[in-house]
PDB file of N, CA and C in Angstrom:
ATOM      1  N   MET A   1      37.706  11.323   0.030  1.00  0.00           N
ATOM      2  CA  MET A   1      37.488  12.700  -0.352  1.00  0.00           C
ATOM      3  C   MET A   1      38.741  13.487   0.028  1.00  0.00           C
ATOM      4  N   ALA A   2      39.145  14.379  -0.844  1.00  0.00           N
ATOM      5  CA  ALA A   2      40.337  15.191  -0.611  1.00  0.00           C
ATOM      6  C   ALA A   2      40.093  16.182   0.525  1.00  0.00           C
ATOM      7  N   SER A   3      41.135  16.486   1.233  1.00  0.00           N
ATOM      8  CA  SER A   3      41.044  17.438   2.328  1.00  0.00           C
ATOM      9  C   SER A   3      40.582  18.793   1.810  1.00  0.00           C
ATOM     10  N   GLY A   4      39.587  19.369   2.482  1.00  0.00           N
ATOM     11  CA  GLY A   4      39.091  20.686   2.099  1.00  0.00           C
ATOM     12  C   GLY A   4      38.046  20.649   0.995  1.00  0.00           C
ATOM     13  N   ALA A   5      37.788  19.482   0.419  1.00  0.00           N
ATOM     14  CA  ALA A   5      36.778  19.382  -0.644  1.00  0.00           C
ATOM     15  C   ALA A   5      35.394  19.384  -0.023  1.00  0.00           C
ATOM     16  N   ALA A   6      34.480  20.050  -0.662  1.00  0.00           N
ATOM     17  CA  ALA A   6      33.104  20.112  -0.171  1.00  0.00           C
ATOM     18  C   ALA A   6      32.322  18.923  -0.706  1.00  0.00           C
ATOM     19  N   TYR A   7      31.497  18.330   0.139  1.00  0.00           N
ATOM     20  CA  TYR A   7      30.637  17.234  -0.263  1.00  0.00           C
ATOM     21  C   TYR A   7      29.318  17.819  -0.742  1.00  0.00           C
ATOM     22  N   VAL A   8      28.932  17.483  -1.958  1.00  0.00           N
ATOM     23  CA  VAL A   8      27.670  17.971  -2.512  1.00  0.00           C
ATOM     24  C   VAL A   8      26.782  16.760  -2.757  1.00  0.00           C
ATOM     25  N   PRO A   9      25.767  16.553  -1.920  1.00  0.00           N
ATOM     26  CA  PRO A   9      24.901  15.393  -2.110  1.00  0.00           C
ATOM     27  C   PRO A   9      23.999  15.570  -3.331  1.00  0.00           C
ATOM     28  N   LEU A  10      23.692  14.472  -3.978  1.00  0.00           N
ATOM     29  CA  LEU A  10      22.740  14.507  -5.084  1.00  0.00           C
ATOM     30  C   LEU A  10      21.355  14.258  -4.506  1.00  0.00           C
ATOM     31  N   ILE A  11      20.592  15.315  -4.377  1.00  0.00           N
ATOM     32  CA  ILE A  11      19.257  15.226  -3.798  1.00  0.00           C
ATOM     33  C   ILE A  11      18.242  15.606  -4.870  1.00  0.00           C
ATOM     34  N   PHE A  12      17.231  14.772  -5.030  1.00  0.00           N
ATOM     35  CA  PHE A  12      16.190  15.009  -6.011  1.00  0.00           C
ATOM     36  C   PHE A  12      14.837  14.984  -5.319  1.00  0.00           C
ATOM     37  N   ASP A  13      13.938  15.847  -5.736  1.00  0.00           N
ATOM     38  CA  ASP A  13      12.564  15.818  -5.255  1.00  0.00           C
ATOM     39  C   ASP A  13      11.830  14.649  -5.900  1.00  0.00           C
ATOM     40  N   PRO A  14      10.784  14.128  -5.246  1.00  0.00           N
ATOM     41  CA  PRO A  14       9.999  13.064  -5.880  1.00  0.00           C
ATOM     42  C   PRO A  14       9.460  13.529  -7.236  1.00  0.00           C
ATOM     43  N   GLY A  15       9.597  12.693  -8.244  1.00  0.00           N
ATOM     44  CA  GLY A  15       9.098  13.009  -9.572  1.00  0.00           C
ATOM     45  C   GLY A  15       9.946  13.978 -10.370  1.00  0.00           C
ATOM     46  N   GLU A  16      11.088  14.403  -9.831  1.00  0.00           N
ATOM     47  CA  GLU A  16      11.925  15.388 -10.514  1.00  0.00           C
ATOM     48  C   GLU A  16      12.672  14.798 -11.711  1.00  0.00           C
ATOM     49  N   ALA A  17      13.292  13.622 -11.532  1.00  0.00           N
ATOM     50  CA  ALA A  17      14.161  13.119 -12.596  1.00  0.00           C
ATOM     51  C   ALA A  17      14.315  11.599 -12.521  1.00  0.00           C
ATOM     52  N   TYR A  18      14.627  11.048 -13.684  1.00  0.00           N
ATOM     53  CA  TYR A  18      15.021   9.648 -13.786  1.00  0.00           C
ATOM     54  C   TYR A  18      16.308   9.595 -14.597  1.00  0.00           C
ATOM     55  N   GLN A  19      17.045   8.499 -14.437  1.00  0.00           N
ATOM     56  CA  GLN A  19      18.252   8.271 -15.229  1.00  0.00           C
ATOM     57  C   GLN A  19      18.019   7.073 -16.138  1.00  0.00           C
ATOM     58  N   PHE A  20      18.501   7.187 -17.384  1.00  0.00           N
ATOM     59  CA  PHE A  20      18.396   6.086 -18.344  1.00  0.00           C
ATOM     60  C   PHE A  20      19.795   5.758 -18.845  1.00  0.00           C
ATOM     61  N   ASP A  21      20.099   4.475 -18.900  1.00  0.00           N
ATOM     62  CA  ASP A  21      21.388   4.056 -19.451  1.00  0.00           C
ATOM     63  C   ASP A  21      21.282   2.605 -19.916  1.00  0.00           C
ATOM     64  N   TRP A  22      22.281   2.193 -20.662  1.00  0.00           N
ATOM     65  CA  TRP A  22      22.384   0.829 -21.170  1.00  0.00           C
ATOM     66  C   TRP A  22      23.588   0.132 -20.551  1.00  0.00           C
ATOM     67  N   SER A  23      23.478  -1.171 -20.388  1.00  0.00           N
ATOM     68  CA  SER A  23      24.641  -2.004 -20.087  1.00  0.00           C
ATOM     69  C   SER A  23      24.601  -3.186 -21.061  1.00  0.00           C
ATOM     70  N   HIS A  24      25.709  -3.868 -21.197  1.00  0.00           N
ATOM     71  CA  HIS A  24      25.688  -5.113 -21.980  1.00  0.00           C
ATOM     72  C   HIS A  24      26.020  -6.239 -21.009  1.00  0.00           C
ATOM     73  N   GLU A  25      25.277  -7.305 -21.149  1.00  0.00           N
ATOM     74  CA  GLU A  25      25.411  -8.448 -20.254  1.00  0.00           C
ATOM     75  C   GLU A  25      25.546  -9.710 -21.081  1.00  0.00           C
ATOM     76  N   ILE A  26      26.295 -10.650 -20.573  1.00  0.00           N
ATOM     77  CA  ILE A  26      26.450 -11.950 -21.222  1.00  0.00           C
ATOM     78  C   ILE A  26      25.519 -12.915 -20.495  1.00  0.00           C
ATOM     79  N   VAL A  27      24.625 -13.546 -21.268  1.00  0.00           N
ATOM     80  CA  VAL A  27      23.618 -14.437 -20.694  1.00  0.00           C
ATOM     81  C   VAL A  27      23.621 -15.757 -21.446  1.00  0.00           C
ATOM     82  N   VAL A  28      22.989 -16.750 -20.844  1.00  0.00           N
ATOM     83  CA  VAL A  28      22.797 -18.039 -21.495  1.00  0.00           C
ATOM     84  C   VAL A  28      21.305 -18.203 -21.759  1.00  0.00           C
ATOM     85  N   ILE A  29      20.946 -18.333 -23.046  1.00  0.00           N
ATOM     86  CA  ILE A  29      19.554 -18.510 -23.446  1.00  0.00           C
ATOM     87  C   ILE A  29      19.466 -19.807 -24.246  1.00  0.00           C
ATOM     88  N   GLY A  30      18.697 -20.743 -23.746  1.00  0.00           N
ATOM     89  CA  GLY A  30      18.562 -22.033 -24.439  1.00  0.00           C
ATOM     90  C   GLY A  30      19.880 -22.751 -24.619  1.00  0.00           C
ATOM     91  N   GLY A  31      20.785 -22.585 -23.661  1.00  0.00           N
ATOM     92  CA  GLY A  31      22.080 -23.243 -23.716  1.00  0.00           C
ATOM     93  C   GLY A  31      23.140 -22.504 -24.518  1.00  0.00           C
ATOM     94  N   ALA A  32      22.755 -21.417 -25.199  1.00  0.00           N
ATOM     95  CA  ALA A  32      23.710 -20.644 -26.000  1.00  0.00           C
ATOM     96  C   ALA A  32      24.090 -19.361 -25.269  1.00  0.00           C
ATOM     97  N   THR A  33      25.368 -19.066 -25.232  1.00  0.00           N
ATOM     98  CA  THR A  33      25.857 -17.832 -24.614  1.00  0.00           C
ATOM     99  C   THR A  33      25.740 -16.696 -25.624  1.00  0.00           C
ATOM    100  N   THR A  34      25.147 -15.604 -25.195  1.00  0.00           N
ATOM    101  CA  THR A  34      24.965 -14.455 -26.073  1.00  0.00           C
ATOM    102  C   THR A  34      25.060 -13.163 -25.266  1.00  0.00           C
ATOM    103  N   THR A  35      25.262 -12.051 -25.953  1.00  0.00           N
ATOM    104  CA  THR A  35      25.298 -10.739 -25.313  1.00  0.00           C
ATOM    105  C   THR A  35      23.978 -10.029 -25.570  1.00  0.00           C
ATOM    106  N   VAL A  36      23.413  -9.450 -24.524  1.00  0.00           N
ATOM    107  CA  VAL A  36      22.195  -8.656 -24.647  1.00  0.00           C
ATOM    108  C   VAL A  36      22.476  -7.248 -24.139  1.00  0.00           C
ATOM    109  N   LYS A  37      21.655  -6.308 -24.583  1.00  0.00           N
ATOM    110  CA  LYS A  37      21.707  -4.938 -24.073  1.00  0.00           C
ATOM    111  C   LYS A  37      20.605  -4.807 -23.022  1.00  0.00           C
ATOM    112  N   VAL A  38      20.913  -4.198 -21.898  1.00  0.00           N
ATOM    113  CA  VAL A  38      19.939  -4.050 -20.824  1.00  0.00           C
ATOM    114  C   VAL A  38      19.691  -2.568 -20.585  1.00  0.00           C
ATOM    115  N   ALA A  39      18.429  -2.166 -20.726  1.00  0.00           N
ATOM    116  CA  ALA A  39      18.021  -0.788 -20.451  1.00  0.00           C
ATOM    117  C   ALA A  39      17.778  -0.651 -18.953  1.00  0.00           C
ATOM    118  N   HIS A  40      18.340   0.405 -18.358  1.00  0.00           N
ATOM    119  CA  HIS A  40      18.173   0.691 -16.936  1.00  0.00           C
ATOM    120  C   HIS A  40      17.469   2.040 -16.800  1.00  0.00           C
ATOM    121  N   VAL A  41      16.343   2.058 -16.100  1.00  0.00           N
ATOM    122  CA  VAL A  41      15.644   3.312 -15.798  1.00  0.00           C
ATOM    123  C   VAL A  41      15.535   3.381 -14.282  1.00  0.00           C
ATOM    124  N   ARG A  42      16.099   4.447 -13.696  1.00  0.00           N
ATOM    125  CA  ARG A  42      16.109   4.583 -12.242  1.00  0.00           C
ATOM    126  C   ARG A  42      15.551   5.947 -11.847  1.00  0.00           C
ATOM    127  N   PHE A  43      14.554   5.935 -10.956  1.00  0.00           N
ATOM    128  CA  PHE A  43      14.053   7.191 -10.405  1.00  0.00           C
ATOM    129  C   PHE A  43      15.101   7.741  -9.443  1.00  0.00           C
ATOM    130  N   CYS A  44      15.462   8.996  -9.598  1.00  0.00           N
ATOM    131  CA  CYS A  44      16.560   9.583  -8.824  1.00  0.00           C
ATOM    132  C   CYS A  44      16.220   9.750  -7.344  1.00  0.00           C
ATOM    133  N   HIS A  45      14.984  10.101  -7.021  1.00  0.00           N
ATOM    134  CA  HIS A  45      14.623  10.328  -5.618  1.00  0.00           C
ATOM    135  C   HIS A  45      14.580   9.024  -4.825  1.00  0.00           C
ATOM    136  N   SER A  46      13.807   8.059  -5.303  1.00  0.00           N
ATOM    137  CA  SER A  46      13.611   6.809  -4.563  1.00  0.00           C
ATOM    138  C   SER A  46      14.676   5.764  -4.877  1.00  0.00           C
ATOM    139  N   ARG A  47      15.418   5.949  -5.970  1.00  0.00           N
ATOM    140  CA  ARG A  47      16.400   4.991  -6.474  1.00  0.00           C
ATOM    141  C   ARG A  47      15.721   3.712  -6.974  1.00  0.00           C
ATOM    142  N   MET A  48      14.386   3.735  -7.155  1.00  0.00           N
ATOM    143  CA  MET A  48      13.645   2.594  -7.679  1.00  0.00           C
ATOM    144  C   MET A  48      14.127   2.298  -9.099  1.00  0.00           C
ATOM    145  N   LEU A  49      14.333   1.021  -9.403  1.00  0.00           N
ATOM    146  CA  LEU A  49      14.974   0.613 -10.647  1.00  0.00           C
ATOM    147  C   LEU A  49      14.059  -0.276 -11.482  1.00  0.00           C
ATOM    148  N   PHE A  50      14.124  -0.086 -12.805  1.00  0.00           N
ATOM    149  CA  PHE A  50      13.477  -0.958 -13.770  1.00  0.00           C
ATOM    150  C   PHE A  50      14.534  -1.351 -14.795  1.00  0.00           C
ATOM    151  N   VAL A  51      14.634  -2.635 -15.114  1.00  0.00           N
ATOM    152  CA  VAL A  51      15.558  -3.094 -16.146  1.00  0.00           C
ATOM    153  C   VAL A  51      14.810  -4.008 -17.113  1.00  0.00           C
ATOM    154  N   ARG A  52      15.254  -3.981 -18.371  1.00  0.00           N
ATOM    155  CA  ARG A  52      14.662  -4.837 -19.405  1.00  0.00           C
ATOM    156  C   ARG A  52      15.745  -5.128 -20.438  1.00  0.00           C
ATOM    157  N   ALA A  53      15.846  -6.402 -20.809  1.00  0.00           N
ATOM    158  CA  ALA A  53      16.877  -6.835 -21.759  1.00  0.00           C
ATOM    159  C   ALA A  53      16.341  -6.826 -23.182  1.00  0.00           C
ATOM    160  N   TYR A  54      17.236  -6.487 -24.126  1.00  0.00           N
ATOM    161  CA  TYR A  54      16.921  -6.434 -25.554  1.00  0.00           C
ATOM    162  C   TYR A  54      18.072  -7.052 -26.338  1.00  0.00           C
ATOM    163  N   PRO A  55      17.802  -7.495 -27.567  1.00  0.00           N
ATOM    164  CA  PRO A  55      18.890  -8.062 -28.369  1.00  0.00           C
ATOM    165  C   PRO A  55      19.885  -7.016 -28.865  1.00  0.00           C
ATOM    166  N   ARG A  56      19.417  -5.767 -29.019  1.00  0.00           N
ATOM    167  CA  ARG A  56      20.275  -4.681 -29.520  1.00  0.00           C
ATOM    168  C   ARG A  56      19.880  -3.367 -28.854  1.00  0.00           C
ATOM    169  N   GLU A  57      20.656  -2.351 -29.084  1.00  0.00           N
ATOM    170  CA  GLU A  57      20.366  -1.002 -28.587  1.00  0.00           C
ATOM    171  C   GLU A  57      19.915  -0.152 -29.782  1.00  0.00           C
ATOM    172  N   THR A  58      18.618  -0.203 -30.089  1.00  0.00           N
ATOM    173  CA  THR A  58      18.071   0.579 -31.190  1.00  0.00           C
ATOM    174  C   THR A  58      17.112   1.625 -30.642  1.00  0.00           C
ATOM    175  N   GLN A  59      16.755   2.572 -31.489  1.00  0.00           N
ATOM    176  CA  GLN A  59      15.842   3.625 -31.057  1.00  0.00           C
ATOM    177  C   GLN A  59      14.483   3.044 -30.650  1.00  0.00           C
ATOM    178  N   GLU A  60      13.988   2.065 -31.399  1.00  0.00           N
ATOM    179  CA  GLU A  60      12.708   1.444 -31.046  1.00  0.00           C
ATOM    180  C   GLU A  60      12.781   0.769 -29.679  1.00  0.00           C
ATOM    181  N   MET A  61      13.918   0.216 -29.358  1.00  0.00           N
ATOM    182  CA  MET A  61      14.086  -0.432 -28.064  1.00  0.00           C
ATOM    183  C   MET A  61      14.208   0.599 -26.950  1.00  0.00           C
ATOM    184  N   VAL A  62      14.791   1.756 -27.242  1.00  0.00           N
ATOM    185  CA  VAL A  62      14.812   2.870 -26.277  1.00  0.00           C
ATOM    186  C   VAL A  62      13.373   3.270 -25.963  1.00  0.00           C
ATOM    187  N   PHE A  63      12.569   3.430 -27.010  1.00  0.00           N
ATOM    188  CA  PHE A  63      11.172   3.842 -26.816  1.00  0.00           C
ATOM    189  C   PHE A  63      10.404   2.790 -26.030  1.00  0.00           C
ATOM    190  N   ASP A  64      10.599   1.520 -26.372  1.00  0.00           N
ATOM    191  CA  ASP A  64       9.913   0.442 -25.666  1.00  0.00           C
ATOM    192  C   ASP A  64      10.323   0.397 -24.195  1.00  0.00           C
ATOM    193  N   ALA A  65      11.599   0.580 -23.917  1.00  0.00           N
ATOM    194  CA  ALA A  65      12.079   0.555 -22.528  1.00  0.00           C
ATOM    195  C   ALA A  65      11.426   1.669 -21.712  1.00  0.00           C
ATOM    196  N   HIS A  66      11.315   2.866 -22.286  1.00  0.00           N
ATOM    197  CA  HIS A  66      10.651   3.962 -21.581  1.00  0.00           C
ATOM    198  C   HIS A  66       9.180   3.631 -21.346  1.00  0.00           C
ATOM    199  N   ASP A  67       8.508   3.120 -22.370  1.00  0.00           N
ATOM    200  CA  ASP A  67       7.090   2.776 -22.255  1.00  0.00           C
ATOM    201  C   ASP A  67       6.867   1.751 -21.146  1.00  0.00           C
ATOM    202  N   LYS A  68       7.669   0.701 -21.148  1.00  0.00           N
ATOM    203  CA  LYS A  68       7.523  -0.355 -20.138  1.00  0.00           C
ATOM    204  C   LYS A  68       7.893   0.155 -18.741  1.00  0.00           C
ATOM    205  N   ALA A  69       8.938   0.966 -18.648  1.00  0.00           N
ATOM    206  CA  ALA A  69       9.364   1.482 -17.341  1.00  0.00           C
ATOM    207  C   ALA A  69       8.294   2.397 -16.747  1.00  0.00           C
ATOM    208  N   PHE A  70       7.772   3.315 -17.541  1.00  0.00           N
ATOM    209  CA  PHE A  70       6.781   4.256 -17.006  1.00  0.00           C
ATOM    210  C   PHE A  70       5.472   3.549 -16.668  1.00  0.00           C
ATOM    211  N   ALA A  71       5.131   2.489 -17.395  1.00  0.00           N
ATOM    212  CA  ALA A  71       3.963   1.683 -17.026  1.00  0.00           C
ATOM    213  C   ALA A  71       4.229   0.980 -15.688  1.00  0.00           C
ATOM    214  N   PHE A  72       5.434   0.453 -15.514  1.00  0.00           N
ATOM    215  CA  PHE A  72       5.818  -0.215 -14.266  1.00  0.00           C
ATOM    216  C   PHE A  72       5.767   0.760 -13.089  1.00  0.00           C
ATOM    217  N   PHE A  73       6.325   1.974 -13.289  1.00  0.00           N
ATOM    218  CA  PHE A  73       6.361   2.969 -12.219  1.00  0.00           C
ATOM    219  C   PHE A  73       5.008   3.629 -11.979  1.00  0.00           C
ATOM    220  N   GLY A  74       4.128   3.588 -12.969  1.00  0.00           N
ATOM    221  CA  GLY A  74       2.842   4.268 -12.838  1.00  0.00           C
ATOM    222  C   GLY A  74       2.912   5.739 -13.216  1.00  0.00           C
ATOM    223  N   GLY A  75       3.929   6.139 -13.969  1.00  0.00           N
ATOM    224  CA  GLY A  75       4.076   7.525 -14.412  1.00  0.00           C
ATOM    225  C   GLY A  75       5.514   7.834 -14.747  1.00  0.00           C
ATOM    226  N   ALA A  76       5.736   9.049 -15.209  1.00  0.00           N
ATOM    227  CA  ALA A  76       7.071   9.504 -15.606  1.00  0.00           C
ATOM    228  C   ALA A  76       7.481  10.690 -14.744  1.00  0.00           C
ATOM    229  N   CYS A  77       8.757  10.994 -14.750  1.00  0.00           N
ATOM    230  CA  CYS A  77       9.286  12.158 -14.036  1.00  0.00           C
ATOM    231  C   CYS A  77       9.296  13.380 -14.958  1.00  0.00           C
ATOM    232  N   ALA A  78       9.592  14.523 -14.384  1.00  0.00           N
ATOM    233  CA  ALA A  78       9.609  15.779 -15.138  1.00  0.00           C
ATOM    234  C   ALA A  78      10.748  15.827 -16.154  1.00  0.00           C
ATOM    235  N   ARG A  79      11.870  15.147 -15.855  1.00  0.00           N
ATOM    236  CA  ARG A  79      12.994  15.180 -16.802  1.00  0.00           C
ATOM    237  C   ARG A  79      13.781  13.882 -16.724  1.00  0.00           C
ATOM    238  N   GLY A  80      14.482  13.611 -17.824  1.00  0.00           N
ATOM    239  CA  GLY A  80      15.336  12.439 -17.896  1.00  0.00           C
ATOM    240  C   GLY A  80      16.787  12.852 -17.974  1.00  0.00           C
ATOM    241  N   ILE A  81      17.654  12.019 -17.429  1.00  0.00           N
ATOM    242  CA  ILE A  81      19.099  12.249 -17.459  1.00  0.00           C
ATOM    243  C   ILE A  81      19.703  11.117 -18.277  1.00  0.00           C
ATOM    244  N   TYR A  82      20.431  11.490 -19.332  1.00  0.00           N
ATOM    245  CA  TYR A  82      20.974  10.523 -20.278  1.00  0.00           C
ATOM    246  C   TYR A  82      22.453  10.781 -20.516  1.00  0.00           C
ATOM    247  N   ASP A  83      23.176   9.701 -20.884  1.00  0.00           N
ATOM    248  CA  ASP A  83      24.492   9.864 -21.478  1.00  0.00           C
ATOM    249  C   ASP A  83      24.257  10.245 -22.934  1.00  0.00           C
ATOM    250  N   ASN A  84      25.287  10.395 -23.694  1.00  0.00           N
ATOM    251  CA  ASN A  84      25.162  10.805 -25.096  1.00  0.00           C
ATOM    252  C   ASN A  84      24.856   9.599 -25.986  1.00  0.00           C
ATOM    253  N   MET A  85      23.641   9.070 -25.856  1.00  0.00           N
ATOM    254  CA  MET A  85      23.250   7.899 -26.639  1.00  0.00           C
ATOM    255  C   MET A  85      23.128   8.260 -28.115  1.00  0.00           C
ATOM    256  N   LYS A  86      23.664   7.406 -28.967  1.00  0.00           N
ATOM    257  CA  LYS A  86      23.552   7.625 -30.412  1.00  0.00           C
ATOM    258  C   LYS A  86      22.101   7.574 -30.872  1.00  0.00           C
ATOM    259  N   THR A  87      21.248   6.874 -30.115  1.00  0.00           N
ATOM    260  CA  THR A  87      19.833   6.775 -30.472  1.00  0.00           C
ATOM    261  C   THR A  87      19.057   8.035 -30.106  1.00  0.00           C
ATOM    262  N   ALA A  88      19.705   8.977 -29.403  1.00  0.00           N
ATOM    263  CA  ALA A  88      19.026  10.206 -28.985  1.00  0.00           C
ATOM    264  C   ALA A  88      19.712  11.468 -29.489  1.00  0.00           C
ATOM    265  N   VAL A  89      21.034  11.461 -29.541  1.00  0.00           N
ATOM    266  CA  VAL A  89      21.805  12.674 -29.839  1.00  0.00           C
ATOM    267  C   VAL A  89      22.379  12.598 -31.256  1.00  0.00           C
ATOM    268  N   ASP A  90      22.066  13.605 -32.068  1.00  0.00           N
ATOM    269  CA  ASP A  90      22.643  13.693 -33.412  1.00  0.00           C
ATOM    270  C   ASP A  90      24.005  14.371 -33.391  1.00  0.00           C
ATOM    271  N   THR A  91      24.124  15.473 -32.601  1.00  0.00           N
ATOM    272  CA  THR A  91      25.355  16.253 -32.566  1.00  0.00           C
ATOM    273  C   THR A  91      25.636  16.719 -31.146  1.00  0.00           C
ATOM    274  N   ILE A  92      26.905  16.634 -30.729  1.00  0.00           N
ATOM    275  CA  ILE A  92      27.347  17.148 -29.432  1.00  0.00           C
ATOM    276  C   ILE A  92      28.124  18.424 -29.686  1.00  0.00           C
ATOM    277  N   PHE A  93      27.674  19.518 -29.073  1.00  0.00           N
ATOM    278  CA  PHE A  93      28.352  20.805 -29.201  1.00  0.00           C
ATOM    279  C   PHE A  93      29.185  21.055 -27.948  1.00  0.00           C
ATOM    280  N   LEU A  94      29.701  22.238 -27.777  1.00  0.00           N
ATOM    281  CA  LEU A  94      30.474  22.583 -26.583  1.00  0.00           C
ATOM    282  C   LEU A  94      29.586  22.584 -25.348  1.00  0.00           C
ATOM    283  N   GLY A  95      30.173  22.213 -24.215  1.00  0.00           N
ATOM    284  CA  GLY A  95      29.428  22.225 -22.959  1.00  0.00           C
ATOM    285  C   GLY A  95      28.295  21.219 -22.962  1.00  0.00           C
ATOM    286  N   ARG A  96      27.123  21.657 -22.515  1.00  0.00           N
ATOM    287  CA  ARG A  96      25.970  20.763 -22.409  1.00  0.00           C
ATOM    288  C   ARG A  96      25.051  20.824 -23.623  1.00  0.00           C
ATOM    289  N   ASP A  97      25.389  21.623 -24.612  1.00  0.00           N
ATOM    290  CA  ASP A  97      24.531  21.769 -25.789  1.00  0.00           C
ATOM    291  C   ASP A  97      24.546  20.503 -26.639  1.00  0.00           C
ATOM    292  N   ARG A  98      23.348  20.054 -27.023  1.00  0.00           N
ATOM    293  CA  ARG A  98      23.178  18.865 -27.844  1.00  0.00           C
ATOM    294  C   ARG A  98      22.103  19.127 -28.889  1.00  0.00           C
ATOM    295  N   ALA A  99      22.215  18.459 -30.018  1.00  0.00           N
ATOM    296  CA  ALA A  99      21.147  18.426 -31.014  1.00  0.00           C
ATOM    297  C   ALA A  99      20.536  17.027 -30.925  1.00  0.00           C
ATOM    298  N   TYR A 100      19.324  16.947 -30.395  1.00  0.00           N
ATOM    299  CA  TYR A 100      18.637  15.669 -30.245  1.00  0.00           C
ATOM    300  C   TYR A 100      17.884  15.345 -31.524  1.00  0.00           C
ATOM    301  N   ASN A 101      17.785  14.071 -31.847  1.00  0.00           N
ATOM    302  CA  ASN A 101      17.061  13.720 -33.066  1.00  0.00           C
ATOM    303  C   ASN A 101      15.555  13.868 -32.853  1.00  0.00           C
ATOM    304  N   ARG A 102      14.861  14.050 -33.961  1.00  0.00           N
ATOM    305  CA  ARG A 102      13.431  14.375 -33.947  1.00  0.00           C
ATOM    306  C   ARG A 102      12.593  13.313 -33.245  1.00  0.00           C
ATOM    307  N   ARG A 103      12.837  12.035 -33.508  1.00  0.00           N
ATOM    308  CA  ARG A 103      12.028  10.974 -32.898  1.00  0.00           C
ATOM    309  C   ARG A 103      12.238  10.899 -31.393  1.00  0.00           C
ATOM    310  N   PHE A 104      13.458  11.126 -30.932  1.00  0.00           N
ATOM    311  CA  PHE A 104      13.710  11.128 -29.497  1.00  0.00           C
ATOM    312  C   PHE A 104      12.986  12.306 -28.838  1.00  0.00           C
ATOM    313  N   GLN A 105      13.018  13.469 -29.465  1.00  0.00           N
ATOM    314  CA  GLN A 105      12.302  14.630 -28.932  1.00  0.00           C
ATOM    315  C   GLN A 105      10.808  14.368 -28.881  1.00  0.00           C
ATOM    316  N   GLN A 106      10.275  13.690 -29.882  1.00  0.00           N
ATOM    317  CA  GLN A 106       8.846  13.353 -29.878  1.00  0.00           C
ATOM    318  C   GLN A 106       8.508  12.424 -28.713  1.00  0.00           C
ATOM    319  N   MET A 107       9.369  11.446 -28.449  1.00  0.00           N
ATOM    320  CA  MET A 107       9.136  10.554 -27.316  1.00  0.00           C
ATOM    321  C   MET A 107       9.139  11.329 -26.006  1.00  0.00           C
ATOM    322  N   CYS A 108      10.117  12.211 -25.850  1.00  0.00           N
ATOM    323  CA  CYS A 108      10.189  13.008 -24.612  1.00  0.00           C
ATOM    324  C   CYS A 108       8.949  13.887 -24.461  1.00  0.00           C
ATOM    325  N   GLY A 109       8.500  14.471 -25.566  1.00  0.00           N
ATOM    326  CA  GLY A 109       7.293  15.299 -25.528  1.00  0.00           C
ATOM    327  C   GLY A 109       6.051  14.496 -25.175  1.00  0.00           C
ATOM    328  N   HIS A 110       6.024  13.240 -25.571  1.00  0.00           N
ATOM    329  CA  HIS A 110       4.883  12.364 -25.262  1.00  0.00           C
ATOM    330  C   HIS A 110       4.746  12.161 -23.757  1.00  0.00           C
ATOM    331  N   TYR A 111       5.893  11.975 -23.093  1.00  0.00           N
ATOM    332  CA  TYR A 111       5.852  11.733 -21.641  1.00  0.00           C
ATOM    333  C   TYR A 111       5.946  13.016 -20.862  1.00  0.00           C
TER     334      TYR A 111
END
């Protein structure tokens, strides 16, 4: 940390937020090497993690990952924190303004 810089801890209340992101991993399935996409859902307060692998990163797989994660956790948080996923964001404006696609908004409204 630079001299004189203030440390700002990331503190979340229980149930306040979760983070969702994707990674790509190289795995061996049935002797064949292939790349899979792995959905990561992490509760911000407890840092509890859920991961699930998929063949691709599609909107249906985003929805399935949320469904499976929230079933695993026994509920959802008040808000989600996302990068600018193409499966969720149609347009990025200045600052934090985003135009989310209709199906992603419906999923968020469901939870």
